[in-house]
Amino acid sequence: MSYYAIFASLIYKSLSINLVTHLIIMTADSLIQRSK
């Protein structure tokens, strides 16, 4: 496995984790706003 492939997979994982975290935060925030 080349360094480029490892680097690309790390970037892809970090981006997908950031996206999932962002979606969870947005969902939680909207639920909190509704419950007030």
PDB file of N, CA and C in Angstrom:
ATOM      1  N   MET A   1       0.854  -1.196   0.000  1.00  0.00           N
ATOM      2  CA  MET A   1       0.000   0.000   0.000  1.00  0.00           C
ATOM      3  C   MET A   1       0.893   1.250   0.000  1.00  0.00           C
ATOM      4  N   SER A   2       0.604   2.149  -0.899  1.00  0.00           N
ATOM      5  CA  SER A   2       1.443   3.346  -1.020  1.00  0.00           C
ATOM      6  C   SER A   2       1.088   4.388   0.038  1.00  0.00           C
ATOM      7  N   TYR A   3       2.025   5.295   0.260  1.00  0.00           N
ATOM      8  CA  TYR A   3       1.784   6.376   1.224  1.00  0.00           C
ATOM      9  C   TYR A   3       0.591   7.227   0.810  1.00  0.00           C
ATOM     10  N   TYR A   4       0.448   7.433  -0.499  1.00  0.00           N
ATOM     11  CA  TYR A   4      -0.655   8.256  -1.000  1.00  0.00           C
ATOM     12  C   TYR A   4      -2.010   7.646  -0.656  1.00  0.00           C
ATOM     13  N   ALA A   5      -2.101   6.326  -0.789  1.00  0.00           N
ATOM     14  CA  ALA A   5      -3.364   5.647  -0.486  1.00  0.00           C
ATOM     15  C   ALA A   5      -3.685   5.730   1.004  1.00  0.00           C
ATOM     16  N   ILE A   6      -2.672   5.571   1.846  1.00  0.00           N
ATOM     17  CA  ILE A   6      -2.858   5.682   3.297  1.00  0.00           C
ATOM     18  C   ILE A   6      -3.305   7.098   3.658  1.00  0.00           C
ATOM     19  N   PHE A   7      -2.628   8.091   3.072  1.00  0.00           N
ATOM     20  CA  PHE A   7      -2.954   9.491   3.321  1.00  0.00           C
ATOM     21  C   PHE A   7      -4.380   9.810   2.888  1.00  0.00           C
ATOM     22  N   ALA A   8      -4.757   9.317   1.713  1.00  0.00           N
ATOM     23  CA  ALA A   8      -6.106   9.562   1.193  1.00  0.00           C
ATOM     24  C   ALA A   8      -7.165   8.919   2.088  1.00  0.00           C
ATOM     25  N   SER A   9      -6.911   7.709   2.563  1.00  0.00           N
ATOM     26  CA  SER A   9      -7.889   7.031   3.417  1.00  0.00           C
ATOM     27  C   SER A   9      -8.020   7.738   4.771  1.00  0.00           C
ATOM     28  N   LEU A  10      -6.901   8.263   5.293  1.00  0.00           N
ATOM     29  CA  LEU A  10      -6.969   9.016   6.550  1.00  0.00           C
ATOM     30  C   LEU A  10      -7.795  10.284   6.379  1.00  0.00           C
ATOM     31  N   ILE A  11      -7.580  11.003   5.289  1.00  0.00           N
ATOM     32  CA  ILE A  11      -8.365  12.210   5.016  1.00  0.00           C
ATOM     33  C   ILE A  11      -9.843  11.855   4.868  1.00  0.00           C
ATOM     34  N   TYR A  12     -10.126  10.786   4.140  1.00  0.00           N
ATOM     35  CA  TYR A  12     -11.507  10.365   3.930  1.00  0.00           C
ATOM     36  C   TYR A  12     -12.183  10.016   5.255  1.00  0.00           C
ATOM     37  N   LYS A  13     -11.464   9.276   6.112  1.00  0.00           N
ATOM     38  CA  LYS A  13     -12.031   8.909   7.422  1.00  0.00           C
ATOM     39  C   LYS A  13     -12.297  10.138   8.273  1.00  0.00           C
ATOM     40  N   SER A  14     -11.328  11.061   8.318  1.00  0.00           N
ATOM     41  CA  SER A  14     -11.515  12.249   9.162  1.00  0.00           C
ATOM     42  C   SER A  14     -12.666  13.109   8.637  1.00  0.00           C
ATOM     43  N   LEU A  15     -12.799  13.206   7.307  1.00  0.00           N
ATOM     44  CA  LEU A  15     -13.903  13.983   6.736  1.00  0.00           C
ATOM     45  C   LEU A  15     -15.244  13.340   7.055  1.00  0.00           C
ATOM     46  N   SER A  16     -15.337  12.031   6.926  1.00  0.00           N
ATOM     47  CA  SER A  16     -16.606  11.357   7.192  1.00  0.00           C
ATOM     48  C   SER A  16     -16.969  11.442   8.676  1.00  0.00           C
ATOM     49  N   ILE A  17     -15.964  11.342   9.559  1.00  0.00           N
ATOM     50  CA  ILE A  17     -16.213  11.485  10.998  1.00  0.00           C
ATOM     51  C   ILE A  17     -16.702  12.899  11.306  1.00  0.00           C
ATOM     52  N   ASN A  18     -16.067  13.908  10.687  1.00  0.00           N
ATOM     53  CA  ASN A  18     -16.503  15.287  10.896  1.00  0.00           C
ATOM     54  C   ASN A  18     -17.935  15.486  10.419  1.00  0.00           C
ATOM     55  N   LEU A  19     -18.278  14.891   9.283  1.00  0.00           N
ATOM     56  CA  LEU A  19     -19.623  15.026   8.730  1.00  0.00           C
ATOM     57  C   LEU A  19     -20.660  14.391   9.651  1.00  0.00           C
ATOM     58  N   VAL A  20     -20.380  13.190  10.137  1.00  0.00           N
ATOM     59  CA  VAL A  20     -21.292  12.497  11.049  1.00  0.00           C
ATOM     60  C   VAL A  20     -21.458  13.305  12.346  1.00  0.00           C
ATOM     61  N   THR A  21     -20.339  13.796  12.895  1.00  0.00           N
ATOM     62  CA  THR A  21     -20.398  14.596  14.116  1.00  0.00           C
ATOM     63  C   THR A  21     -21.243  15.844  13.894  1.00  0.00           C
ATOM     64  N   HIS A  22     -21.046  16.498  12.765  1.00  0.00           N
ATOM     65  CA  HIS A  22     -21.800  17.704  12.435  1.00  0.00           C
ATOM     66  C   HIS A  22     -23.292  17.403  12.351  1.00  0.00           C
ATOM     67  N   LEU A  23     -23.662  16.292  11.705  1.00  0.00           N
ATOM     68  CA  LEU A  23     -25.073  15.913  11.585  1.00  0.00           C
ATOM     69  C   LEU A  23     -25.678  15.622  12.956  1.00  0.00           C
ATOM     70  N   ILE A  24     -24.927  14.927  13.826  1.00  0.00           N
ATOM     71  CA  ILE A  24     -25.413  14.614  15.168  1.00  0.00           C
ATOM     72  C   ILE A  24     -25.637  15.898  15.966  1.00  0.00           C
ATOM     73  N   ILE A  25     -24.679  16.826  15.885  1.00  0.00           N
ATOM     74  CA  ILE A  25     -24.796  18.098  16.610  1.00  0.00           C
ATOM     75  C   ILE A  25     -25.996  18.890  16.092  1.00  0.00           C
ATOM     76  N   MET A  26     -26.176  18.943  14.780  1.00  0.00           N
ATOM     77  CA  MET A  26     -27.307  19.680  14.206  1.00  0.00           C
ATOM     78  C   MET A  26     -28.635  19.065  14.647  1.00  0.00           C
ATOM     79  N   THR A  27     -28.721  17.739  14.644  1.00  0.00           N
ATOM     80  CA  THR A  27     -29.946  17.058  15.054  1.00  0.00           C
ATOM     81  C   THR A  27     -30.238  17.301  16.524  1.00  0.00           C
ATOM     82  N   ALA A  28     -29.215  17.166  17.361  1.00  0.00           N
ATOM     83  CA  ALA A  28     -29.391  17.399  18.792  1.00  0.00           C
ATOM     84  C   ALA A  28     -29.803  18.838  19.057  1.00  0.00           C
ATOM     85  N   ASP A  29     -29.193  19.772  18.335  1.00  0.00           N
ATOM     86  CA  ASP A  29     -29.507  21.188  18.507  1.00  0.00           C
ATOM     87  C   ASP A  29     -30.964  21.467  18.144  1.00  0.00           C
ATOM     88  N   SER A  30     -31.457  20.890  17.049  1.00  0.00           N
ATOM     89  CA  SER A  30     -32.843  21.117  16.646  1.00  0.00           C
ATOM     90  C   SER A  30     -33.814  20.489  17.643  1.00  0.00           C
ATOM     91  N   LEU A  31     -33.452  19.327  18.205  1.00  0.00           N
ATOM     92  CA  LEU A  31     -34.302  18.693  19.210  1.00  0.00           C
ATOM     93  C   LEU A  31     -34.373  19.549  20.474  1.00  0.00           C
ATOM     94  N   ILE A  32     -33.233  20.114  20.877  1.00  0.00           N
ATOM     95  CA  ILE A  32     -33.195  20.983  22.056  1.00  0.00           C
ATOM     96  C   ILE A  32     -34.053  22.230  21.816  1.00  0.00           C
ATOM     97  N   GLN A  33     -33.965  22.796  20.626  1.00  0.00           N
ATOM     98  CA  GLN A  33     -34.751  23.988  20.302  1.00  0.00           C
ATOM     99  C   GLN A  33     -36.250  23.684  20.353  1.00  0.00           C
ATOM    100  N   ARG A  34     -36.646  22.504  19.902  1.00  0.00           N
ATOM    101  CA  ARG A  34     -38.066  22.136  19.915  1.00  0.00           C
ATOM    102  C   ARG A  34     -38.574  21.908  21.327  1.00  0.00           C
ATOM    103  N   SER A  35     -37.737  21.331  22.187  1.00  0.00           N
ATOM    104  CA  SER A  35     -38.196  20.983  23.537  1.00  0.00           C
ATOM    105  C   SER A  35     -38.347  22.205  24.444  1.00  0.00           C
ATOM    106  N   LYS A  36     -37.735  23.325  24.048  1.00  0.00           N
ATOM    107  CA  LYS A  36     -37.847  24.536  24.879  1.00  0.00           C
ATOM    108  C   LYS A  36     -39.265  25.111  24.819  1.00  0.00           C
TER     109      LYS A  36
END
